């Protein structure tokens, strides 16, 4: 089970940190990711991190502004979002993937006002 939190209403240029807490004892074996879905649009990839934290991946739209990290001891993955833009407004979902296994969190809403 994945529980995302940290969303809210911020102004353009502000920062926000999302958290995704996972239950279970095998969190450290899963690759984790953050996806987002803006109103009227399809869900899209934002950031990903390998199971051991050794590699991170970002979409072009967030690269340089967002940072994904994980703490396997706390079963938590984070998304630090800086210099937020109105275009970042979306529901953010965390994702866990291992082979054919895939799980989604319930989403947390981020709204960025101009």
PDB file of N, CA and C in Angstrom:
ATOM      1  N   UNK A   1       0.844  -1.188   0.000  1.00  0.00           N
ATOM      2  CA  UNK A   1       0.000   0.000   0.000  1.00  0.00           C
ATOM      3  C   UNK A   1       0.887   1.249   0.000  1.00  0.00           C
ATOM      4  N   UNK A   2       0.512   2.217  -0.825  1.00  0.00           N
ATOM      5  CA  UNK A   2       1.268   3.452  -0.939  1.00  0.00           C
ATOM      6  C   UNK A   2       0.393   4.617  -0.496  1.00  0.00           C
ATOM      7  N   UNK A   3       0.923   5.460   0.351  1.00  0.00           N
ATOM      8  CA  UNK A   3       0.182   6.603   0.879  1.00  0.00           C
ATOM      9  C   UNK A   3       0.945   7.876   0.558  1.00  0.00           C
ATOM     10  N   UNK A   4       0.421   8.659  -0.378  1.00  0.00           N
ATOM     11  CA  UNK A   4       1.065   9.909  -0.765  1.00  0.00           C
ATOM     12  C   UNK A   4       0.525  11.060   0.065  1.00  0.00           C
ATOM     13  N   UNK A   5       1.391  12.018   0.333  1.00  0.00           N
ATOM     14  CA  UNK A   5       0.988  13.194   1.105  1.00  0.00           C
ATOM     15  C   UNK A   5       1.889  14.363   0.741  1.00  0.00           C
ATOM     16  N   UNK A   6       1.491  15.545   1.203  1.00  0.00           N
ATOM     17  CA  UNK A   6       2.315  16.727   1.017  1.00  0.00           C
ATOM     18  C   UNK A   6       1.806  17.721  -0.009  1.00  0.00           C
ATOM     19  N   UNK A   7       0.747  17.372  -0.706  1.00  0.00           N
ATOM     20  CA  UNK A   7       0.209  18.294  -1.695  1.00  0.00           C
ATOM     21  C   UNK A   7      -0.440  19.498  -1.037  1.00  0.00           C
ATOM     22  N   UNK A   8      -0.749  20.492  -1.857  1.00  0.00           N
ATOM     23  CA  UNK A   8      -1.389  21.678  -1.336  1.00  0.00           C
ATOM     24  C   UNK A   8      -1.442  22.779  -2.366  1.00  0.00           C
ATOM     25  N   UNK A   9      -1.850  23.944  -1.913  1.00  0.00           N
ATOM     26  CA  UNK A   9      -1.955  25.126  -2.771  1.00  0.00           C
ATOM     27  C   UNK A   9      -0.760  26.036  -2.497  1.00  0.00           C
ATOM     28  N   UNK A  10       0.003  26.316  -3.545  1.00  0.00           N
ATOM     29  CA  UNK A  10       1.171  27.185  -3.428  1.00  0.00           C
ATOM     30  C   UNK A  10       1.165  28.197  -4.561  1.00  0.00           C
ATOM     31  N   UNK A  11       2.045  29.160  -4.457  1.00  0.00           N
ATOM     32  CA  UNK A  11       2.190  30.160  -5.508  1.00  0.00           C
ATOM     33  C   UNK A  11       3.350  29.795  -6.424  1.00  0.00           C
ATOM     34  N   UNK A  12       3.307  30.311  -7.611  1.00  0.00           N
ATOM     35  CA  UNK A  12       4.392  30.080  -8.565  1.00  0.00           C
ATOM     36  C   UNK A  12       5.717  30.522  -7.949  1.00  0.00           C
ATOM     37  N   UNK A  13       6.733  29.683  -8.116  1.00  0.00           N
ATOM     38  CA  UNK A  13       8.038  29.963  -7.547  1.00  0.00           C
ATOM     39  C   UNK A  13       8.281  29.309  -6.203  1.00  0.00           C
ATOM     40  N   UNK A  14       7.219  28.839  -5.581  1.00  0.00           N
ATOM     41  CA  UNK A  14       7.334  28.185  -4.274  1.00  0.00           C
ATOM     42  C   UNK A  14       7.870  26.765  -4.416  1.00  0.00           C
ATOM     43  N   UNK A  15       8.142  26.162  -3.259  1.00  0.00           N
ATOM     44  CA  UNK A  15       8.601  24.776  -3.204  1.00  0.00           C
ATOM     45  C   UNK A  15       7.614  23.936  -2.411  1.00  0.00           C
ATOM     46  N   UNK A  16       7.656  22.654  -2.671  1.00  0.00           N
ATOM     47  CA  UNK A  16       6.792  21.704  -1.971  1.00  0.00           C
ATOM     48  C   UNK A  16       7.487  20.352  -1.983  1.00  0.00           C
ATOM     49  N   UNK A  17       7.303  19.601  -0.926  1.00  0.00           N
ATOM     50  CA  UNK A  17       7.864  18.248  -0.893  1.00  0.00           C
ATOM     51  C   UNK A  17       6.759  17.230  -0.688  1.00  0.00           C
ATOM     52  N   UNK A  18       6.689  16.305  -1.608  1.00  0.00           N
ATOM     53  CA  UNK A  18       5.741  15.214  -1.503  1.00  0.00           C
ATOM     54  C   UNK A  18       6.422  14.007  -0.869  1.00  0.00           C
ATOM     55  N   UNK A  19       5.638  13.233  -0.144  1.00  0.00           N
ATOM     56  CA  UNK A  19       6.125  11.994   0.452  1.00  0.00           C
ATOM     57  C   UNK A  19       5.200  10.857   0.047  1.00  0.00           C
ATOM     58  N   UNK A  20       5.773   9.698  -0.052  1.00  0.00           N
ATOM     59  CA  UNK A  20       4.988   8.492  -0.324  1.00  0.00           C
ATOM     60  C   UNK A  20       5.498   7.399   0.591  1.00  0.00           C
ATOM     61  N   UNK A  21       4.671   7.033   1.545  1.00  0.00           N
ATOM     62  CA  UNK A  21       5.032   6.006   2.501  1.00  0.00           C
ATOM     63  C   UNK A  21       4.474   4.659   2.041  1.00  0.00           C
ATOM     64  N   UNK A  22       5.322   3.653   2.077  1.00  0.00           N
ATOM     65  CA  UNK A  22       4.915   2.326   1.634  1.00  0.00           C
ATOM     66  C   UNK A  22       4.858   1.370   2.806  1.00  0.00           C
ATOM     67  N   UNK A  23       3.887   0.514   2.770  1.00  0.00           N
ATOM     68  CA  UNK A  23       3.801  -0.541   3.787  1.00  0.00           C
ATOM     69  C   UNK A  23       4.444  -1.794   3.231  1.00  0.00           C
ATOM     70  N   UNK A  24       4.873  -2.661   4.111  1.00  0.00           N
ATOM     71  CA  UNK A  24       5.487  -3.905   3.664  1.00  0.00           C
ATOM     72  C   UNK A  24       6.987  -3.901   3.887  1.00  0.00           C
ATOM     73  N   UNK A  25       7.553  -5.073   3.796  1.00  0.00           N
ATOM     74  CA  UNK A  25       8.965  -5.227   4.116  1.00  0.00           C
ATOM     75  C   UNK A  25       9.860  -5.291   2.896  1.00  0.00           C
ATOM     76  N   UNK A  26       9.279  -5.144   1.700  1.00  0.00           N
ATOM     77  CA  UNK A  26      10.081  -5.288   0.487  1.00  0.00           C
ATOM     78  C   UNK A  26      10.205  -3.987  -0.294  1.00  0.00           C
ATOM     79  N   UNK A  27       9.937  -2.859   0.368  1.00  0.00           N
ATOM     80  CA  UNK A  27       9.992  -1.562  -0.303  1.00  0.00           C
ATOM     81  C   UNK A  27      11.329  -1.343  -0.991  1.00  0.00           C
ATOM     82  N   UNK A  28      12.397  -1.752  -0.338  1.00  0.00           N
ATOM     83  CA  UNK A  28      13.737  -1.478  -0.854  1.00  0.00           C
ATOM     84  C   UNK A  28      14.034  -2.228  -2.143  1.00  0.00           C
ATOM     85  N   UNK A  29      13.193  -3.149  -2.535  1.00  0.00           N
ATOM     86  CA  UNK A  29      13.424  -3.904  -3.764  1.00  0.00           C
ATOM     87  C   UNK A  29      12.645  -3.343  -4.954  1.00  0.00           C
ATOM     88  N   UNK A  30      11.842  -2.320  -4.698  1.00  0.00           N
ATOM     89  CA  UNK A  30      11.005  -1.746  -5.749  1.00  0.00           C
ATOM     90  C   UNK A  30      11.615  -0.482  -6.332  1.00  0.00           C
ATOM     91  N   UNK A  31      11.531  -0.366  -7.632  1.00  0.00           N
ATOM     92  CA  UNK A  31      11.786   0.914  -8.280  1.00  0.00           C
ATOM     93  C   UNK A  31      10.567   1.798  -8.025  1.00  0.00           C
ATOM     94  N   UNK A  32      10.827   3.062  -7.729  1.00  0.00           N
ATOM     95  CA  UNK A  32       9.737   3.960  -7.368  1.00  0.00           C
ATOM     96  C   UNK A  32       9.656   5.125  -8.354  1.00  0.00           C
ATOM     97  N   UNK A  33       8.463   5.657  -8.474  1.00  0.00           N
ATOM     98  CA  UNK A  33       8.296   6.775  -9.386  1.00  0.00           C
ATOM     99  C   UNK A  33       7.177   7.695  -8.954  1.00  0.00           C
ATOM    100  N   UNK A  34       7.210   8.887  -9.489  1.00  0.00           N
ATOM    101  CA  UNK A  34       6.130   9.850  -9.331  1.00  0.00           C
ATOM    102  C   UNK A  34       5.558  10.148 -10.715  1.00  0.00           C
ATOM    103  N   UNK A  35       4.262  10.063 -10.815  1.00  0.00           N
ATOM    104  CA  UNK A  35       3.545  10.417 -12.027  1.00  0.00           C
ATOM    105  C   UNK A  35       2.574  11.539 -11.660  1.00  0.00           C
ATOM    106  N   UNK A  36       2.092  12.228 -12.670  1.00  0.00           N
ATOM    107  CA  UNK A  36       1.129  13.283 -12.398  1.00  0.00           C
ATOM    108  C   UNK A  36       0.077  13.339 -13.497  1.00  0.00           C
ATOM    109  N   UNK A  37      -1.085  13.819 -13.103  1.00  0.00           N
ATOM    110  CA  UNK A  37      -2.180  13.944 -14.050  1.00  0.00           C
ATOM    111  C   UNK A  37      -2.828  15.299 -13.883  1.00  0.00           C
ATOM    112  N   UNK A  38      -2.669  16.123 -14.882  1.00  0.00           N
ATOM    113  CA  UNK A  38      -3.273  17.447 -14.873  1.00  0.00           C
ATOM    114  C   UNK A  38      -4.724  17.349 -15.326  1.00  0.00           C
ATOM    115  N   UNK A  39      -5.539  18.314 -14.964  1.00  0.00           N
ATOM    116  CA  UNK A  39      -6.952  18.286 -15.366  1.00  0.00           C
ATOM    117  C   UNK A  39      -7.108  18.158 -16.873  1.00  0.00           C
ATOM    118  N   UNK A  40      -7.882  17.177 -17.297  1.00  0.00           N
ATOM    119  CA  UNK A  40      -8.140  16.995 -18.709  1.00  0.00           C
ATOM    120  C   UNK A  40      -7.020  16.353 -19.493  1.00  0.00           C
ATOM    121  N   UNK A  41      -5.974  15.918 -18.808  1.00  0.00           N
ATOM    122  CA  UNK A  41      -4.835  15.314 -19.501  1.00  0.00           C
ATOM    123  C   UNK A  41      -4.577  13.910 -18.988  1.00  0.00           C
ATOM    124  N   UNK A  42      -3.769  13.177 -19.744  1.00  0.00           N
ATOM    125  CA  UNK A  42      -3.423  11.833 -19.330  1.00  0.00           C
ATOM    126  C   UNK A  42      -2.335  11.869 -18.259  1.00  0.00           C
ATOM    127  N   UNK A  43      -2.273  10.784 -17.523  1.00  0.00           N
ATOM    128  CA  UNK A  43      -1.226  10.676 -16.524  1.00  0.00           C
ATOM    129  C   UNK A  43       0.127  10.593 -17.212  1.00  0.00           C
ATOM    130  N   UNK A  44       1.125  11.288 -16.646  1.00  0.00           N
ATOM    131  CA  UNK A  44       2.445  11.294 -17.263  1.00  0.00           C
ATOM    132  C   UNK A  44       3.526  11.060 -16.216  1.00  0.00           C
ATOM    133  N   UNK A  45       4.632  10.534 -16.670  1.00  0.00           N
ATOM    134  CA  UNK A  45       5.779  10.295 -15.807  1.00  0.00           C
ATOM    135  C   UNK A  45       6.420  11.620 -15.438  1.00  0.00           C
ATOM    136  N   UNK A  46       6.836  11.726 -14.169  1.00  0.00           N
ATOM    137  CA  UNK A  46       7.549  12.924 -13.719  1.00  0.00           C
ATOM    138  C   UNK A  46       8.974  12.587 -13.278  1.00  0.00           C
ATOM    139  N   UNK A  47       9.114  11.581 -12.411  1.00  0.00           N
ATOM    140  CA  UNK A  47      10.431  11.249 -11.875  1.00  0.00           C
ATOM    141  C   UNK A  47      10.454   9.800 -11.423  1.00  0.00           C
ATOM    142  N   UNK A  48      11.634   9.196 -11.462  1.00  0.00           N
ATOM    143  CA  UNK A  48      11.780   7.817 -11.033  1.00  0.00           C
ATOM    144  C   UNK A  48      13.113   7.597 -10.362  1.00  0.00           C
ATOM    145  N   UNK A  49      13.172   6.571  -9.541  1.00  0.00           N
ATOM    146  CA  UNK A  49      14.409   6.243  -8.836  1.00  0.00           C
ATOM    147  C   UNK A  49      14.518   4.733  -8.722  1.00  0.00           C
ATOM    148  N   UNK A  50      15.716   4.240  -8.949  1.00  0.00           N
ATOM    149  CA  UNK A  50      15.935   2.809  -8.871  1.00  0.00           C
ATOM    150  C   UNK A  50      15.819   2.315  -7.427  1.00  0.00           C
ATOM    151  N   UNK A  51      15.689   1.004  -7.265  1.00  0.00           N
ATOM    152  CA  UNK A  51      15.442   0.407  -5.960  1.00  0.00           C
ATOM    153  C   UNK A  51      16.523   0.761  -4.948  1.00  0.00           C
ATOM    154  N   UNK A  52      17.757   0.895  -5.416  1.00  0.00           N
ATOM    155  CA  UNK A  52      18.853   1.193  -4.501  1.00  0.00           C
ATOM    156  C   UNK A  52      19.226   2.673  -4.489  1.00  0.00           C
ATOM    157  N   UNK A  53      18.443   3.483  -5.172  1.00  0.00           N
ATOM    158  CA  UNK A  53      18.722   4.906  -5.225  1.00  0.00           C
ATOM    159  C   UNK A  53      19.882   5.278  -6.113  1.00  0.00           C
ATOM    160  N   UNK A  54      20.398   4.307  -6.842  1.00  0.00           N
ATOM    161  CA  UNK A  54      21.592   4.548  -7.633  1.00  0.00           C
ATOM    162  C   UNK A  54      21.370   5.375  -8.871  1.00  0.00           C
ATOM    163  N   UNK A  55      20.156   5.377  -9.397  1.00  0.00           N
ATOM    164  CA  UNK A  55      19.856   6.149 -10.603  1.00  0.00           C
ATOM    165  C   UNK A  55      18.535   6.864 -10.443  1.00  0.00           C
ATOM    166  N   UNK A  56      18.463   8.048 -10.986  1.00  0.00           N
ATOM    167  CA  UNK A  56      17.221   8.811 -10.989  1.00  0.00           C
ATOM    168  C   UNK A  56      16.899   9.254 -12.409  1.00  0.00           C
ATOM    169  N   UNK A  57      15.622   9.475 -12.660  1.00  0.00           N
ATOM    170  CA  UNK A  57      15.168   9.815 -14.005  1.00  0.00           C
ATOM    171  C   UNK A  57      14.111  10.910 -13.887  1.00  0.00           C
ATOM    172  N   UNK A  58      14.101  11.802 -14.856  1.00  0.00           N
ATOM    173  CA  UNK A  58      13.158  12.920 -14.825  1.00  0.00           C
ATOM    174  C   UNK A  58      12.611  13.192 -16.217  1.00  0.00           C
ATOM    175  N   UNK A  59      11.389  13.654 -16.237  1.00  0.00           N
ATOM    176  CA  UNK A  59      10.863  14.137 -17.505  1.00  0.00           C
ATOM    177  C   UNK A  59      11.504  15.492 -17.795  1.00  0.00           C
ATOM    178  N   UNK A  60      11.500  15.872 -19.040  1.00  0.00           N
ATOM    179  CA  UNK A  60      12.107  17.142 -19.431  1.00  0.00           C
ATOM    180  C   UNK A  60      11.416  18.324 -18.747  1.00  0.00           C
ATOM    181  N   UNK A  61      10.137  18.182 -18.491  1.00  0.00           N
ATOM    182  CA  UNK A  61       9.375  19.299 -17.928  1.00  0.00           C
ATOM    183  C   UNK A  61       9.723  19.585 -16.471  1.00  0.00           C
ATOM    184  N   UNK A  62      10.309  18.616 -15.755  1.00  0.00           N
ATOM    185  CA  UNK A  62      10.625  18.841 -14.346  1.00  0.00           C
ATOM    186  C   UNK A  62      12.121  18.800 -14.062  1.00  0.00           C
ATOM    187  N   UNK A  63      12.890  18.380 -15.033  1.00  0.00           N
ATOM    188  CA  UNK A  63      14.332  18.236 -14.829  1.00  0.00           C
ATOM    189  C   UNK A  63      14.946  19.569 -14.419  1.00  0.00           C
ATOM    190  N   UNK A  64      15.769  19.505 -13.391  1.00  0.00           N
ATOM    191  CA  UNK A  64      16.404  20.717 -12.883  1.00  0.00           C
ATOM    192  C   UNK A  64      15.610  21.428 -11.804  1.00  0.00           C
ATOM    193  N   UNK A  65      14.346  21.087 -11.663  1.00  0.00           N
ATOM    194  CA  UNK A  65      13.495  21.707 -10.636  1.00  0.00           C
ATOM    195  C   UNK A  65      13.039  20.697  -9.584  1.00  0.00           C
ATOM    196  N   UNK A  66      12.834  19.461  -9.972  1.00  0.00           N
ATOM    197  CA  UNK A  66      12.357  18.420  -9.056  1.00  0.00           C
ATOM    198  C   UNK A  66      13.496  17.458  -8.737  1.00  0.00           C
ATOM    199  N   UNK A  67      13.461  16.924  -7.527  1.00  0.00           N
ATOM    200  CA  UNK A  67      14.434  15.920  -7.109  1.00  0.00           C
ATOM    201  C   UNK A  67      13.709  14.779  -6.412  1.00  0.00           C
ATOM    202  N   UNK A  68      13.932  13.576  -6.900  1.00  0.00           N
ATOM    203  CA  UNK A  68      13.356  12.391  -6.268  1.00  0.00           C
ATOM    204  C   UNK A  68      14.423  11.741  -5.407  1.00  0.00           C
ATOM    205  N   UNK A  69      14.004  11.256  -4.253  1.00  0.00           N
ATOM    206  CA  UNK A  69      14.917  10.557  -3.360  1.00  0.00           C
ATOM    207  C   UNK A  69      14.121   9.518  -2.589  1.00  0.00           C
ATOM    208  N   UNK A  70      14.839   8.657  -1.916  1.00  0.00           N
ATOM    209  CA  UNK A  70      14.167   7.628  -1.133  1.00  0.00           C
ATOM    210  C   UNK A  70      14.958   7.335   0.128  1.00  0.00           C
ATOM    211  N   UNK A  71      14.243   6.895   1.132  1.00  0.00           N
ATOM    212  CA  UNK A  71      14.833   6.447   2.384  1.00  0.00           C
ATOM    213  C   UNK A  71      14.290   5.045   2.626  1.00  0.00           C
ATOM    214  N   UNK A  72      15.061   4.060   2.294  1.00  0.00           N
ATOM    215  CA  UNK A  72      14.583   2.687   2.419  1.00  0.00           C
ATOM    216  C   UNK A  72      14.371   2.279   3.875  1.00  0.00           C
ATOM    217  N   UNK A  73      15.080   2.907   4.784  1.00  0.00           N
ATOM    218  CA  UNK A  73      14.891   2.603   6.196  1.00  0.00           C
ATOM    219  C   UNK A  73      13.519   3.073   6.677  1.00  0.00           C
ATOM    220  N   UNK A  74      12.975   4.102   6.020  1.00  0.00           N
ATOM    221  CA  UNK A  74      11.660   4.634   6.385  1.00  0.00           C
ATOM    222  C   UNK A  74      10.569   4.216   5.400  1.00  0.00           C
ATOM    223  N   UNK A  75      10.939   3.397   4.421  1.00  0.00           N
ATOM    224  CA  UNK A  75       9.957   2.957   3.406  1.00  0.00           C
ATOM    225  C   UNK A  75       9.264   4.152   2.754  1.00  0.00           C
ATOM    226  N   UNK A  76      10.028   5.167   2.431  1.00  0.00           N
ATOM    227  CA  UNK A  76       9.437   6.402   1.925  1.00  0.00           C
ATOM    228  C   UNK A  76      10.216   6.926   0.732  1.00  0.00           C
ATOM    229  N   UNK A  77       9.482   7.418  -0.234  1.00  0.00           N
ATOM    230  CA  UNK A  77      10.076   8.101  -1.372  1.00  0.00           C
ATOM    231  C   UNK A  77       9.574   9.543  -1.360  1.00  0.00           C
ATOM    232  N   UNK A  78      10.434  10.451  -1.772  1.00  0.00           N
ATOM    233  CA  UNK A  78      10.118  11.878  -1.720  1.00  0.00           C
ATOM    234  C   UNK A  78      10.215  12.499  -3.103  1.00  0.00           C
ATOM    235  N   UNK A  79       9.516  13.591  -3.262  1.00  0.00           N
ATOM    236  CA  UNK A  79       9.670  14.404  -4.459  1.00  0.00           C
ATOM    237  C   UNK A  79       9.767  15.854  -4.007  1.00  0.00           C
ATOM    238  N   UNK A  80      10.972  16.385  -4.072  1.00  0.00           N
ATOM    239  CA  UNK A  80      11.183  17.795  -3.758  1.00  0.00           C
ATOM    240  C   UNK A  80      10.931  18.602  -5.018  1.00  0.00           C
ATOM    241  N   UNK A  81       9.993  19.519  -4.945  1.00  0.00           N
ATOM    242  CA  UNK A  81       9.602  20.305  -6.104  1.00  0.00           C
ATOM    243  C   UNK A  81       9.926  21.768  -5.839  1.00  0.00           C
ATOM    244  N   UNK A  82      10.798  22.314  -6.637  1.00  0.00           N
ATOM    245  CA  UNK A  82      11.210  23.709  -6.498  1.00  0.00           C
ATOM    246  C   UNK A  82      10.772  24.515  -7.717  1.00  0.00           C
ATOM    247  N   UNK A  83      10.724  25.803  -7.536  1.00  0.00           N
ATOM    248  CA  UNK A  83      10.358  26.732  -8.614  1.00  0.00           C
ATOM    249  C   UNK A  83       9.100  26.234  -9.323  1.00  0.00           C
ATOM    250  N   UNK A  84       8.086  25.988  -8.552  1.00  0.00           N
ATOM    251  CA  UNK A  84       6.847  25.449  -9.108  1.00  0.00           C
ATOM    252  C   UNK A  84       6.196  26.440 -10.063  1.00  0.00           C
ATOM    253  N   UNK A  85       5.577  25.878 -11.079  1.00  0.00           N
ATOM    254  CA  UNK A  85       4.905  26.661 -12.113  1.00  0.00           C
ATOM    255  C   UNK A  85       3.442  26.248 -12.165  1.00  0.00           C
ATOM    256  N   UNK A  86       2.573  27.147 -12.643  1.00  0.00           N
ATOM    257  CA  UNK A  86       1.158  26.762 -12.758  1.00  0.00           C
ATOM    258  C   UNK A  86       0.965  25.477 -13.570  1.00  0.00           C
ATOM    259  N   UNK A  87       1.862  25.222 -14.518  1.00  0.00           N
ATOM    260  CA  UNK A  87       1.768  24.007 -15.335  1.00  0.00           C
ATOM    261  C   UNK A  87       2.041  22.735 -14.534  1.00  0.00           C
ATOM    262  N   UNK A  88       2.563  22.879 -13.332  1.00  0.00           N
ATOM    263  CA  UNK A  88       2.802  21.715 -12.467  1.00  0.00           C
ATOM    264  C   UNK A  88       1.543  21.299 -11.711  1.00  0.00           C
ATOM    265  N   UNK A  89       0.487  22.070 -11.841  1.00  0.00           N
ATOM    266  CA  UNK A  89      -0.762  21.727 -11.177  1.00  0.00           C
ATOM    267  C   UNK A  89      -1.269  20.377 -11.672  1.00  0.00           C
ATOM    268  N   UNK A  90      -1.462  19.461 -10.731  1.00  0.00           N
ATOM    269  CA  UNK A  90      -1.864  18.091 -11.088  1.00  0.00           C
ATOM    270  C   UNK A  90      -2.073  17.282  -9.816  1.00  0.00           C
ATOM    271  N   UNK A  91      -2.665  16.137  -9.996  1.00  0.00           N
ATOM    272  CA  UNK A  91      -2.664  15.134  -8.936  1.00  0.00           C
ATOM    273  C   UNK A  91      -1.408  14.295  -9.131  1.00  0.00           C
ATOM    274  N   UNK A  92      -0.641  14.169  -8.081  1.00  0.00           N
ATOM    275  CA  UNK A  92       0.621  13.441  -8.138  1.00  0.00           C
ATOM    276  C   UNK A  92       0.437  12.063  -7.503  1.00  0.00           C
ATOM    277  N   UNK A  93       0.873  11.060  -8.225  1.00  0.00           N
ATOM    278  CA  UNK A  93       0.739   9.673  -7.784  1.00  0.00           C
ATOM    279  C   UNK A  93       2.121   9.044  -7.635  1.00  0.00           C
ATOM    280  N   UNK A  94       2.291   8.288  -6.581  1.00  0.00           N
ATOM    281  CA  UNK A  94       3.514   7.503  -6.481  1.00  0.00           C
ATOM    282  C   UNK A  94       3.250   6.102  -7.016  1.00  0.00           C
ATOM    283  N   UNK A  95       4.312   5.516  -7.492  1.00  0.00           N
ATOM    284  CA  UNK A  95       4.228   4.227  -8.186  1.00  0.00           C
ATOM    285  C   UNK A  95       5.373   3.351  -7.727  1.00  0.00           C
ATOM    286  N   UNK A  96       5.083   2.090  -7.517  1.00  0.00           N
ATOM    287  CA  UNK A  96       6.105   1.109  -7.148  1.00  0.00           C
ATOM    288  C   UNK A  96       6.088  -0.005  -8.185  1.00  0.00           C
ATOM    289  N   UNK A  97       7.246  -0.378  -8.651  1.00  0.00           N
ATOM    290  CA  UNK A  97       7.308  -1.379  -9.706  1.00  0.00           C
ATOM    291  C   UNK A  97       8.469  -2.325  -9.459  1.00  0.00           C
ATOM    292  N   UNK A  98       8.145  -3.614  -9.645  1.00  0.00           N
ATOM    293  CA  UNK A  98       9.173  -4.652  -9.580  1.00  0.00           C
ATOM    294  C   UNK A  98       8.761  -5.753 -10.538  1.00  0.00           C
ATOM    295  N   UNK A  99       9.450  -5.835 -11.633  1.00  0.00           N
ATOM    296  CA  UNK A  99       9.068  -6.809 -12.642  1.00  0.00           C
ATOM    297  C   UNK A  99       7.657  -6.526 -13.136  1.00  0.00           C
ATOM    298  N   UNK A 100       6.793  -7.516 -13.029  1.00  0.00           N
ATOM    299  CA  UNK A 100       5.410  -7.349 -13.464  1.00  0.00           C
ATOM    300  C   UNK A 100       4.517  -6.806 -12.353  1.00  0.00           C
ATOM    301  N   UNK A 101       5.039  -6.673 -11.171  1.00  0.00           N
ATOM    302  CA  UNK A 101       4.266  -6.129 -10.052  1.00  0.00           C
ATOM    303  C   UNK A 101       4.289  -4.609 -10.121  1.00  0.00           C
ATOM    304  N   UNK A 102       3.131  -4.012  -9.928  1.00  0.00           N
ATOM    305  CA  UNK A 102       3.028  -2.563  -9.961  1.00  0.00           C
ATOM    306  C   UNK A 102       1.920  -2.105  -9.041  1.00  0.00           C
ATOM    307  N   UNK A 103       2.214  -1.062  -8.265  1.00  0.00           N
ATOM    308  CA  UNK A 103       1.243  -0.528  -7.324  1.00  0.00           C
ATOM    309  C   UNK A 103       1.193   0.987  -7.456  1.00  0.00           C
ATOM    310  N   UNK A 104      -0.008   1.527  -7.174  1.00  0.00           N
ATOM    311  CA  UNK A 104      -0.209   2.976  -7.242  1.00  0.00           C
ATOM    312  C   UNK A 104      -0.732   3.486  -5.911  1.00  0.00           C
ATOM    313  N   UNK A 105      -0.301   4.680  -5.552  1.00  0.00           N
ATOM    314  CA  UNK A 105      -0.861   5.372  -4.406  1.00  0.00           C
ATOM    315  C   UNK A 105      -2.139   6.090  -4.808  1.00  0.00           C
ATOM    316  N   UNK A 106      -2.772   6.735  -3.842  1.00  0.00           N
ATOM    317  CA  UNK A 106      -4.072   7.335  -4.091  1.00  0.00           C
ATOM    318  C   UNK A 106      -3.987   8.737  -4.687  1.00  0.00           C
ATOM    319  N   UNK A 107      -2.826   9.333  -4.706  1.00  0.00           N
ATOM    320  CA  UNK A 107      -2.648  10.652  -5.296  1.00  0.00           C
ATOM    321  C   UNK A 107      -2.776  11.776  -4.288  1.00  0.00           C
ATOM    322  N   UNK A 108      -2.025  12.831  -4.539  1.00  0.00           N
ATOM    323  CA  UNK A 108      -2.112  14.033  -3.724  1.00  0.00           C
ATOM    324  C   UNK A 108      -2.129  15.235  -4.668  1.00  0.00           C
ATOM    325  N   UNK A 109      -3.017  16.174  -4.401  1.00  0.00           N
ATOM    326  CA  UNK A 109      -3.239  17.294  -5.316  1.00  0.00           C
ATOM    327  C   UNK A 109      -2.269  18.435  -5.043  1.00  0.00           C
ATOM    328  N   UNK A 110      -1.627  18.876  -6.096  1.00  0.00           N
ATOM    329  CA  UNK A 110      -0.762  20.054  -6.042  1.00  0.00           C
ATOM    330  C   UNK A 110      -1.368  21.122  -6.945  1.00  0.00           C
ATOM    331  N   UNK A 111      -1.620  22.280  -6.386  1.00  0.00           N
ATOM    332  CA  UNK A 111      -2.176  23.394  -7.150  1.00  0.00           C
ATOM    333  C   UNK A 111      -1.229  24.576  -7.041  1.00  0.00           C
ATOM    334  N   UNK A 112      -0.798  25.061  -8.192  1.00  0.00           N
ATOM    335  CA  UNK A 112       0.141  26.179  -8.233  1.00  0.00           C
ATOM    336  C   UNK A 112      -0.565  27.374  -8.864  1.00  0.00           C
ATOM    337  N   UNK A 113      -0.707  28.422  -8.086  1.00  0.00           N
ATOM    338  CA  UNK A 113      -1.370  29.632  -8.592  1.00  0.00           C
ATOM    339  C   UNK A 113      -0.337  30.596  -9.161  1.00  0.00           C
ATOM    340  N   UNK A 114      -0.767  31.347 -10.157  1.00  0.00           N
ATOM    341  CA  UNK A 114       0.158  32.298 -10.806  1.00  0.00           C
ATOM    342  C   UNK A 114       0.148  33.642 -10.122  1.00  0.00           C
TER     343      UNK A 114
END
